[in-house]
Amino acid sequence: MTIVEGKHSPLSEVANMSVSETNLAVLGVIERDFQCEVLGKLGRLEAKMDMLAGNGQPGRMQLAEDRLIRLEYSDVRRTVIERFVNAGIAVVVSAAVAVHRFWWK
């Protein structure tokens, strides 16, 4: 690579660098790329956390908690109703067993 009068090309600068300088330059580029990648991922993570937490509005977690509370309430109510139904069935079956002798006469 030649240097044109007064003009330096990036390739000529790389050719004139020693091996350690070239390694340092490459490591610097890799480090900057890595930093940019990490900062980009951190920004996406922050946006996802804001979306989950709500960021001043009801987020997904709050909505999920509200749905869970409603499900627990309906589950407790359904459990009470099922217990009454099971008790009624048990009373009917017990009564049928107790009076079955009188039905077959």
C-alpha atoms as a PDB file:
ATOM      1  CA  MET A   1       0.000   0.000   0.000  1.00  0.00           C
ATOM      2  CA  THR A   2       1.359   3.369  -0.897  1.00  0.00           C
ATOM      3  CA  ILE A   3       0.619   6.732   0.551  1.00  0.00           C
ATOM      4  CA  VAL A   4      -0.522   9.258  -1.997  1.00  0.00           C
ATOM      5  CA  GLU A   5       1.106  12.639  -1.536  1.00  0.00           C
ATOM      6  CA  GLY A   6      -0.262  14.084   1.685  1.00  0.00           C
ATOM      7  CA  LYS A   7      -3.180  11.683   1.907  1.00  0.00           C
ATOM      8  CA  HIS A   8      -3.331   8.767   4.307  1.00  0.00           C
ATOM      9  CA  SER A   9      -5.654   5.878   3.749  1.00  0.00           C
ATOM     10  CA  PRO A  10      -6.859   3.721   6.643  1.00  0.00           C
ATOM     11  CA  LEU A  11      -5.290   0.682   5.016  1.00  0.00           C
ATOM     12  CA  SER A  12      -1.874   2.333   4.929  1.00  0.00           C
ATOM     13  CA  GLU A  13      -2.174   3.183   8.640  1.00  0.00           C
ATOM     14  CA  VAL A  14      -2.997  -0.437   9.463  1.00  0.00           C
ATOM     15  CA  ALA A  15      -0.059  -1.631   7.346  1.00  0.00           C
ATOM     16  CA  ASN A  16       2.330   0.693   9.207  1.00  0.00           C
ATOM     17  CA  MET A  17       1.162  -0.444  12.682  1.00  0.00           C
ATOM     18  CA  SER A  18       3.087  -3.026  14.620  1.00  0.00           C
ATOM     19  CA  VAL A  19       1.465  -6.316  15.589  1.00  0.00           C
ATOM     20  CA  SER A  20       0.667  -5.214  19.166  1.00  0.00           C
ATOM     21  CA  GLU A  21      -0.860  -1.935  17.959  1.00  0.00           C
ATOM     22  CA  THR A  22      -3.014  -3.855  15.476  1.00  0.00           C
ATOM     23  CA  ASN A  23      -4.158  -6.254  18.207  1.00  0.00           C
ATOM     24  CA  LEU A  24      -5.007  -3.333  20.483  1.00  0.00           C
ATOM     25  CA  ALA A  25      -6.952  -1.617  17.701  1.00  0.00           C
ATOM     26  CA  VAL A  26      -8.889  -4.809  16.953  1.00  0.00           C
ATOM     27  CA  LEU A  27      -9.570  -5.351  20.657  1.00  0.00           C
ATOM     28  CA  GLY A  28     -10.799  -1.765  20.959  1.00  0.00           C
ATOM     29  CA  VAL A  29     -13.220  -2.281  18.079  1.00  0.00           C
ATOM     30  CA  ILE A  30     -14.404  -5.586  19.546  1.00  0.00           C
ATOM     31  CA  GLU A  31     -14.803  -3.971  22.973  1.00  0.00           C
ATOM     32  CA  ARG A  32     -16.839  -1.086  21.530  1.00  0.00           C
ATOM     33  CA  ASP A  33     -19.033  -3.533  19.606  1.00  0.00           C
ATOM     34  CA  PHE A  34     -19.513  -5.573  22.770  1.00  0.00           C
ATOM     35  CA  GLN A  35     -20.394  -2.448  24.767  1.00  0.00           C
ATOM     36  CA  CYS A  36     -22.919  -1.371  22.136  1.00  0.00           C
ATOM     37  CA  GLU A  37     -24.461  -4.847  22.125  1.00  0.00           C
ATOM     38  CA  VAL A  38     -24.695  -4.948  25.932  1.00  0.00           C
ATOM     39  CA  LEU A  39     -26.209  -1.455  26.091  1.00  0.00           C
ATOM     40  CA  GLY A  40     -28.759  -2.401  23.423  1.00  0.00           C
ATOM     41  CA  LYS A  41     -29.750  -5.525  25.322  1.00  0.00           C
ATOM     42  CA  LEU A  42     -29.943  -3.525  28.558  1.00  0.00           C
ATOM     43  CA  GLY A  43     -32.268  -1.017  26.890  1.00  0.00           C
ATOM     44  CA  ARG A  44     -34.551  -3.815  25.660  1.00  0.00           C
ATOM     45  CA  LEU A  45     -34.543  -5.391  29.126  1.00  0.00           C
ATOM     46  CA  GLU A  46     -35.493  -2.068  30.705  1.00  0.00           C
ATOM     47  CA  ALA A  47     -38.358  -1.654  28.239  1.00  0.00           C
ATOM     48  CA  LYS A  48     -39.622  -5.168  29.002  1.00  0.00           C
ATOM     49  CA  MET A  49     -39.421  -4.545  32.756  1.00  0.00           C
ATOM     50  CA  ASP A  50     -41.397  -1.300  32.347  1.00  0.00           C
ATOM     51  CA  MET A  51     -44.007  -3.203  30.342  1.00  0.00           C
ATOM     52  CA  LEU A  52     -44.261  -5.894  33.039  1.00  0.00           C
ATOM     53  CA  ALA A  53     -44.275  -3.546  36.029  1.00  0.00           C
ATOM     54  CA  GLY A  54     -46.593  -1.014  34.439  1.00  0.00           C
ATOM     55  CA  ASN A  55     -44.515   2.185  34.446  1.00  0.00           C
ATOM     56  CA  GLY A  56     -47.278   4.281  36.043  1.00  0.00           C
ATOM     57  CA  GLN A  57     -50.130   2.265  34.538  1.00  0.00           C
ATOM     58  CA  PRO A  58     -51.415  -1.207  35.335  1.00  0.00           C
ATOM     59  CA  GLY A  59     -48.820  -3.484  33.789  1.00  0.00           C
ATOM     60  CA  ARG A  60     -49.050  -7.143  32.921  1.00  0.00           C
ATOM     61  CA  MET A  61     -48.124  -8.231  36.445  1.00  0.00           C
ATOM     62  CA  GLN A  62     -50.904  -6.131  37.995  1.00  0.00           C
ATOM     63  CA  LEU A  63     -53.409  -7.473  35.476  1.00  0.00           C
ATOM     64  CA  ALA A  64     -52.266 -11.045  36.168  1.00  0.00           C
ATOM     65  CA  GLU A  65     -52.580 -10.491  39.928  1.00  0.00           C
ATOM     66  CA  ASP A  66     -56.109  -9.112  39.489  1.00  0.00           C
ATOM     67  CA  ARG A  67     -57.103 -12.134  37.385  1.00  0.00           C
ATOM     68  CA  LEU A  68     -55.616 -14.455  39.999  1.00  0.00           C
ATOM     69  CA  ILE A  69     -57.618 -12.782  42.782  1.00  0.00           C
ATOM     70  CA  ARG A  70     -60.839 -13.175  40.759  1.00  0.00           C
ATOM     71  CA  LEU A  71     -60.028 -16.835  40.077  1.00  0.00           C
ATOM     72  CA  GLU A  72     -59.342 -17.507  43.758  1.00  0.00           C
ATOM     73  CA  TYR A  73     -62.641 -15.883  44.726  1.00  0.00           C
ATOM     74  CA  SER A  74     -64.603 -17.921  42.192  1.00  0.00           C
ATOM     75  CA  ASP A  75     -62.721 -21.067  43.232  1.00  0.00           C
ATOM     76  CA  VAL A  76     -63.673 -20.567  46.893  1.00  0.00           C
ATOM     77  CA  ARG A  77     -67.294 -19.929  45.916  1.00  0.00           C
ATOM     78  CA  ARG A  78     -67.330 -22.997  43.655  1.00  0.00           C
ATOM     79  CA  THR A  79     -65.783 -25.129  46.428  1.00  0.00           C
ATOM     80  CA  VAL A  80     -68.552 -24.114  48.863  1.00  0.00           C
ATOM     81  CA  ILE A  81     -71.242 -24.913  46.297  1.00  0.00           C
ATOM     82  CA  GLU A  82     -69.618 -28.269  45.502  1.00  0.00           C
ATOM     83  CA  ARG A  83     -69.554 -29.141  49.203  1.00  0.00           C
ATOM     84  CA  PHE A  84     -73.285 -28.441  49.522  1.00  0.00           C
ATOM     85  CA  VAL A  85     -73.997 -30.526  46.426  1.00  0.00           C
ATOM     86  CA  ASN A  86     -71.828 -33.377  47.716  1.00  0.00           C
ATOM     87  CA  ALA A  87     -73.565 -33.215  51.106  1.00  0.00           C
ATOM     88  CA  GLY A  88     -76.974 -33.340  49.388  1.00  0.00           C
ATOM     89  CA  ILE A  89     -75.939 -36.338  47.292  1.00  0.00           C
ATOM     90  CA  ALA A  90     -74.586 -38.079  50.397  1.00  0.00           C
ATOM     91  CA  VAL A  91     -77.895 -37.479  52.262  1.00  0.00           C
ATOM     92  CA  VAL A  92     -79.941 -38.826  49.315  1.00  0.00           C
ATOM     93  CA  VAL A  93     -77.736 -41.927  48.943  1.00  0.00           C
ATOM     94  CA  SER A  94     -77.801 -42.562  52.711  1.00  0.00           C
ATOM     95  CA  ALA A  95     -81.584 -42.201  52.793  1.00  0.00           C
ATOM     96  CA  ALA A  96     -81.928 -44.533  49.802  1.00  0.00           C
ATOM     97  CA  VAL A  97     -79.746 -47.144  51.505  1.00  0.00           C
ATOM     98  CA  ALA A  98     -81.694 -46.794  54.763  1.00  0.00           C
ATOM     99  CA  VAL A  99     -85.145 -47.212  53.170  1.00  0.00           C
ATOM    100  CA  HIS A 100     -84.320 -49.606  50.335  1.00  0.00           C
ATOM    101  CA  ARG A 101     -85.917 -52.480  52.304  1.00  0.00           C
ATOM    102  CA  PHE A 102     -89.293 -50.748  52.174  1.00  0.00           C
ATOM    103  CA  TRP A 103     -89.233 -50.149  48.410  1.00  0.00           C
ATOM    104  CA  TRP A 104     -88.994 -53.792  47.383  1.00  0.00           C
ATOM    105  CA  LYS A 105     -92.004 -55.085  49.340  1.00  0.00           C
END
